[in-house]
Protein backbone atom coordinates (compact mmCIF):
# COMPACT_ATOMS: atom_id res chain seq x y z
CA MET A 1 -13.93 -35.60 -34.59
CA THR A 2 -13.13 -34.36 -31.20
CA SER A 3 -15.55 -32.42 -29.03
CA GLN A 4 -13.28 -29.38 -29.36
CA GLN A 5 -13.50 -29.48 -33.18
CA ILE A 6 -17.32 -29.80 -33.07
CA ASN A 7 -17.60 -26.98 -30.67
CA ARG A 8 -15.35 -24.80 -32.84
CA PHE A 9 -17.53 -25.63 -35.94
CA TYR A 10 -20.66 -24.65 -34.02
CA GLN A 11 -19.22 -21.50 -32.71
CA HIS A 12 -17.89 -20.20 -36.03
CA TYR A 13 -20.39 -21.53 -38.69
CA ARG A 14 -23.70 -22.23 -36.89
CA GLU A 15 -25.64 -19.29 -38.68
CA ILE A 16 -24.31 -20.07 -42.24
CA ASP A 17 -26.69 -21.92 -44.63
CA VAL A 18 -25.50 -24.71 -46.87
CA THR A 19 -27.51 -25.16 -50.19
CA PHE A 20 -27.91 -28.85 -50.88
CA ASN A 21 -27.12 -28.90 -54.55
CA LYS A 22 -25.83 -31.81 -56.46
CA ASP A 23 -22.24 -31.08 -55.45
CA VAL A 24 -23.08 -30.88 -51.65
CA ILE A 25 -25.32 -33.93 -51.78
CA ARG A 26 -22.46 -35.97 -53.29
CA ALA A 27 -19.94 -34.63 -50.81
CA THR A 28 -22.05 -35.28 -47.76
CA GLY A 29 -23.63 -38.59 -48.95
CA LEU A 30 -27.07 -37.23 -48.19
CA LEU A 31 -29.66 -40.01 -48.93
CA ALA A 32 -32.39 -37.86 -50.42
CA LYS A 33 -35.02 -40.65 -50.43
CA HIS A 34 -34.75 -41.09 -46.52
CA ILE A 35 -35.56 -37.66 -45.33
CA PHE A 36 -38.88 -37.12 -43.41
CA LEU A 37 -40.69 -34.82 -41.34
CA LYS A 38 -42.11 -36.72 -38.26
CA PHE A 39 -44.95 -35.44 -36.03
CA LEU A 40 -47.92 -37.07 -34.15
CA GLY A 41 -46.85 -40.50 -35.08
CA SER A 42 -46.87 -39.83 -38.85
CA GLN A 43 -44.36 -38.69 -41.31
CA ILE A 44 -44.14 -37.01 -44.62
CA PRO A 45 -41.23 -37.20 -47.07
CA CYS A 46 -39.29 -33.97 -47.88
CA ILE A 47 -36.36 -32.68 -49.80
CA VAL A 48 -33.62 -30.67 -48.02
CA PHE A 49 -33.10 -27.42 -49.79
CA SER A 50 -30.62 -25.87 -47.31
CA ALA A 51 -29.50 -26.28 -43.71
CA SER A 52 -27.50 -24.62 -41.05
CA MET A 53 -26.73 -25.65 -37.52
CA THR A 54 -29.72 -23.60 -36.29
CA GLY A 55 -32.35 -24.52 -38.88
CA ALA A 56 -33.16 -25.91 -42.23
CA LYS A 57 -35.45 -25.29 -45.28
CA VAL A 58 -37.09 -28.23 -46.73
CA ILE A 59 -39.61 -28.82 -49.65
CA ALA A 60 -42.69 -31.05 -48.90
CA ASN A 61 -46.12 -31.73 -50.02
CA VAL A 62 -48.38 -30.28 -47.40
CA SER A 63 -52.12 -31.01 -47.98
CA SER A 64 -54.88 -29.35 -46.07
CA GLU A 65 -55.10 -32.50 -43.74
CA THR A 66 -51.50 -32.14 -43.02
CA PHE A 67 -51.68 -28.56 -42.19
CA GLU A 68 -54.31 -29.52 -39.59
CA ARG A 69 -52.25 -32.19 -38.11
CA LEU A 70 -49.29 -29.77 -37.93
CA ARG A 71 -51.53 -27.34 -36.21
CA GLN A 72 -52.58 -29.90 -33.68
CA ALA A 73 -48.77 -30.69 -33.03
CA ASN A 74 -48.17 -26.97 -32.49
CA ASN A 75 -45.89 -26.92 -35.55
CA LEU A 76 -43.37 -29.16 -33.58
CA VAL A 77 -41.70 -31.78 -35.79
CA SER A 78 -38.62 -33.90 -36.08
CA LEU A 79 -36.50 -33.72 -39.15
CA ARG A 80 -35.03 -37.15 -39.99
CA LEU A 81 -31.73 -36.87 -41.88
CA SER A 82 -29.73 -39.69 -43.41
CA PHE A 83 -26.32 -39.87 -44.79
CA GLN A 84 -24.04 -42.48 -46.42
CA GLU A 85 -20.55 -42.48 -45.03
CA ASN A 86 -17.64 -43.47 -47.30
CA ASP A 87 -16.12 -45.95 -44.91
CA LYS A 88 -19.25 -47.55 -43.51
CA ASN A 89 -21.94 -49.93 -44.78
CA ASP A 90 -24.73 -48.77 -42.69
CA PRO A 91 -26.09 -45.19 -43.22
CA LEU A 92 -25.91 -42.55 -40.58
CA ALA A 93 -29.30 -41.41 -39.57
CA PHE A 94 -30.64 -39.15 -36.81
CA PHE A 95 -33.46 -36.67 -35.73
CA VAL A 96 -33.28 -33.07 -35.32
CA ALA A 97 -35.98 -31.46 -32.95
CA SER A 98 -37.55 -28.51 -34.90
CA LYS A 99 -40.37 -25.96 -34.95
CA ILE A 100 -41.92 -24.85 -38.14
CA SER A 101 -41.52 -21.11 -38.54
CA GLY A 102 -43.34 -20.64 -41.90
CA PHE A 103 -44.45 -21.90 -45.19
CA ASN A 104 -43.81 -20.43 -48.68
CA PRO A 105 -45.36 -21.78 -51.94
CA TYR A 106 -42.92 -23.70 -54.10
CA ASN A 107 -44.79 -23.53 -57.37
CA LYS A 108 -48.14 -22.04 -58.20
CA GLU A 109 -48.89 -25.07 -60.38
CA HIS A 110 -48.56 -27.29 -57.40
CA PRO A 111 -50.37 -25.45 -54.52
CA THR A 112 -49.66 -28.13 -51.91
CA LEU A 113 -45.98 -28.11 -52.45
CA ASN A 114 -44.23 -25.71 -50.01
CA PHE A 115 -40.98 -24.58 -48.75
CA VAL A 116 -41.16 -25.33 -44.99
CA ASN A 117 -38.88 -23.26 -42.76
CA LEU A 118 -37.59 -25.05 -39.74
CA GLU A 119 -36.04 -23.60 -36.51
CA PHE A 120 -34.12 -26.25 -34.50
CA THR A 121 -35.41 -26.14 -30.96
CA GLN A 122 -32.04 -27.33 -29.52
CA ARG A 123 -28.41 -27.75 -30.66
CA PRO A 124 -28.43 -30.42 -33.34
CA PRO A 125 -26.57 -33.67 -33.15
CA ASP A 126 -22.73 -33.59 -33.41
CA ASP A 127 -23.02 -35.59 -36.68
CA LEU A 128 -24.84 -32.81 -38.32
CA ILE A 129 -22.43 -30.11 -36.94
CA GLY A 130 -19.45 -32.13 -38.04
CA ILE A 131 -20.86 -32.61 -41.68
CA LEU A 132 -21.79 -28.88 -42.26
CA GLY A 133 -18.70 -27.76 -40.47
CA THR A 134 -16.41 -29.78 -42.64
CA LEU A 135 -17.87 -28.20 -45.84
CA LEU A 136 -17.89 -24.70 -44.48
CA GLU A 137 -14.31 -24.89 -43.11
CA ALA A 138 -13.09 -26.23 -46.49
CA SER A 139 -14.93 -23.34 -48.29
CA VAL A 140 -13.39 -20.81 -46.06
CA ASN A 141 -9.81 -22.18 -46.28
CA SER A 142 -10.13 -22.63 -50.14
CA LYS A 143 -10.02 -18.71 -50.11
CA LYS A 144 -7.63 -18.20 -47.25
CA ARG A 145 -5.03 -20.80 -48.52
CA LYS A 146 -6.00 -20.81 -52.17
CA GLU A 147 -2.30 -20.39 -53.37
CA GLU A 148 -0.64 -22.71 -51.01
CA ARG A 149 0.64 -25.67 -52.87
CA ILE A 150 0.91 -29.44 -52.06
CA GLN A 151 3.94 -31.04 -53.78
CA ILE A 152 2.85 -34.41 -55.16
CA ASP A 153 5.10 -37.07 -53.91
CA ALA A 154 4.66 -40.63 -52.31
CA ASN A 155 3.87 -39.07 -48.88
CA SER A 156 1.29 -36.46 -50.07
CA ILE A 157 -0.33 -39.13 -52.52
CA ARG A 158 -0.93 -41.30 -49.41
CA LYS A 159 -2.18 -38.60 -47.18
CA LEU A 160 -4.51 -37.15 -49.92
CA GLY A 161 -5.82 -40.61 -50.82
CA LEU A 162 -4.91 -40.31 -54.53
CA THR A 163 -4.27 -43.57 -56.53
CA SER A 164 -1.00 -42.13 -57.83
CA LYS A 165 0.45 -38.94 -59.29
CA ALA A 166 -0.76 -39.89 -62.78
CA GLY A 167 -3.91 -38.06 -63.85
CA GLN A 168 -5.62 -37.06 -67.10
CA LEU A 169 -5.75 -33.63 -68.59
CA ARG A 170 -8.62 -33.30 -71.24
CA VAL A 171 -7.72 -30.37 -73.48
CA GLU A 172 -10.65 -29.34 -75.69
CA SER A 173 -12.13 -32.79 -75.34
CA ILE A 174 -8.76 -34.64 -76.23
CA PRO A 175 -7.66 -36.75 -73.25
CA ARG A 176 -4.06 -36.56 -72.54
CA PRO A 177 -2.35 -38.59 -69.73
CA CYS A 178 -0.51 -36.31 -67.31
CA ILE A 179 1.80 -36.38 -64.31
CA ILE A 180 0.82 -34.02 -61.46
CA ARG A 181 3.62 -32.00 -59.86
CA ASP A 182 1.49 -29.93 -57.34
CA LEU A 183 -2.02 -29.26 -56.37
CA SER A 184 -3.68 -26.22 -54.68
CA PHE A 185 -7.27 -25.04 -54.16
CA SER A 186 -6.77 -22.61 -57.14
CA GLY A 187 -4.92 -24.73 -59.60
CA ALA A 188 -2.22 -27.27 -60.38
CA LYS A 189 0.98 -27.83 -62.27
CA VAL A 190 1.13 -30.93 -64.51
CA VAL A 191 3.37 -32.49 -67.12
CA VAL A 192 1.43 -33.41 -70.25
CA SER A 193 2.24 -34.44 -73.82
CA GLY A 194 2.00 -31.64 -76.37
CA VAL A 195 3.60 -28.33 -77.73
CA ALA A 196 3.61 -25.62 -75.31
CA LYS A 197 2.54 -22.79 -77.59
CA PHE A 198 -0.50 -24.69 -78.72
CA LEU A 199 -1.73 -25.36 -75.23
CA LEU A 200 -1.56 -21.89 -73.68
CA GLY A 201 -4.93 -20.37 -73.06
CA LYS A 202 -6.89 -23.61 -73.77
CA GLU A 203 -9.79 -24.76 -71.60
CA CYS A 204 -9.23 -28.19 -69.96
CA HIS A 205 -10.47 -30.49 -67.31
CA LEU A 206 -8.00 -32.27 -64.75
CA HIS A 207 -9.25 -35.71 -63.90
CA LEU A 208 -8.10 -37.25 -60.59
CA GLU A 209 -8.87 -40.45 -58.77
CA THR A 210 -8.87 -41.63 -55.17
CA VAL A 211 -8.38 -44.88 -53.40
CA GLU A 212 -11.93 -44.60 -52.20
CA GLN A 213 -13.11 -44.74 -55.80
CA ARG A 214 -14.07 -41.01 -55.97
CA ALA A 215 -13.25 -39.17 -59.11
CA PHE A 216 -12.76 -35.44 -59.59
CA ASN A 217 -13.12 -33.51 -62.85
CA LEU A 218 -11.75 -29.94 -62.33
CA PRO A 219 -12.65 -27.40 -64.97
CA ALA A 220 -9.67 -25.15 -65.70
CA THR A 221 -7.71 -22.91 -68.03
CA ILE A 222 -4.08 -23.38 -68.94
CA VAL A 223 -2.55 -20.11 -67.96
CA ARG A 224 1.18 -20.82 -68.43
CA SER A 225 3.17 -23.52 -70.31
CA GLU A 226 6.87 -24.27 -70.72
CA GLU A 227 8.94 -26.86 -72.38
CA VAL A 228 10.32 -29.87 -70.37
CA GLU A 229 14.20 -29.74 -70.77
CA GLY A 230 15.24 -32.73 -73.05
CA ARG A 231 11.80 -33.79 -73.90
CA LYS A 232 10.28 -32.01 -76.89
CA ASP A 233 7.07 -34.18 -76.67
CA LEU A 234 6.36 -33.06 -73.12
CA THR A 235 5.22 -29.63 -71.66
CA ALA A 236 4.84 -28.48 -68.13
CA VAL A 237 1.51 -26.49 -67.75
CA ALA A 238 0.08 -24.36 -64.87
CA ILE A 239 -3.62 -24.52 -64.82
CA GLN A 240 -6.11 -22.14 -63.10
CA PHE A 241 -9.34 -23.91 -61.74
CA ILE A 242 -12.72 -22.23 -62.34
CA GLU A 243 -13.47 -21.39 -58.81
CA ASP A 244 -17.26 -21.64 -58.80
CA GLN A 245 -16.95 -25.00 -60.64
CA THR A 246 -14.44 -26.74 -58.26
CA PRO A 247 -16.16 -29.56 -56.48
CA ILE A 248 -16.62 -29.15 -52.66
CA GLU A 249 -15.29 -32.72 -52.27
CA TYR A 250 -11.93 -31.66 -53.79
CA LYS A 251 -11.76 -28.67 -51.36
CA VAL A 252 -12.59 -31.03 -48.42
CA MET A 253 -9.74 -33.34 -49.54
CA LEU A 254 -7.20 -30.58 -49.66
CA ASN A 255 -8.43 -29.00 -46.47
CA ASP A 256 -8.04 -32.27 -44.55
CA TYR A 257 -4.51 -32.47 -45.70
CA MET A 258 -3.50 -28.79 -45.02
CA LYS A 259 -5.08 -28.92 -41.48
CA ALA A 260 -2.18 -31.00 -40.40
CA ARG A 261 0.34 -28.26 -41.27
CA PRO A 262 0.44 -24.61 -40.35
CA LEU A 263 -0.38 -21.79 -42.90
CA SER A 264 2.78 -21.29 -44.82
CA SER A 265 4.31 -17.94 -44.38
CA ALA A 266 5.94 -18.50 -47.84
CA VAL A 267 2.92 -19.43 -50.07
CA ALA A 268 3.83 -20.38 -53.48
CA LYS A 269 2.92 -18.06 -56.30
CA ASN A 270 -0.24 -18.52 -58.06
CA PRO A 271 -0.24 -20.56 -61.32
CA LYS A 272 -0.06 -17.39 -63.62
CA GLU A 273 3.31 -16.55 -61.96
CA ALA A 274 4.68 -20.21 -61.66
């Protein structure tokens, strides 16, 4: 990323928290077993609950002895973060200078387990700004450009990193090979075997694979279907993704592609109107 991109991310998104659920951990490559709080020559393992570009909330086991050592350190710590990048063998690791601003009990049954609130004492490394900014930008654009479609052809397959235009549509647990015609943040249009009237309104999952050996399973509903001329065994269906279940990795993939082209002034209609 260029310094201009990093600065733009920091300017627009620095105060927004990203919760590290399973979807975000997978998308960022966070190495959960390699996260620590370091202070006074010692370290304690912790779990990242959420992070922004100005602070973080982690979960750590803080004993009475640890509280005392933190007091001696004036609550100044370094948060060690580690991520596995797709195209590299060695993980990316760095420290973020922080100050503890508070503790909150995590569970009454485990009194030493605490939420530890951290305020970064300086601008974090560009790597962290880039990781969080990429997710946040994709999330914003998934709403701003949700109806803009990508026609699937040899060029877009290469730029998206898909293995091919072939996918799989699982309709009510029955897998059906399909051909992808277009993709968007909000849905897709595919050609699949089956009778149109029996597919309309069905819940489904669209399965896609990438050359980086990632796979997406996108929960959706078939909102429109039509016959394919000359092929009674095939149906073209428009599917609407379930927005809050669409993987952030998929949004990042589409966002990376769309950043290279301006926002269309003639955005395609949504799948319900296709």
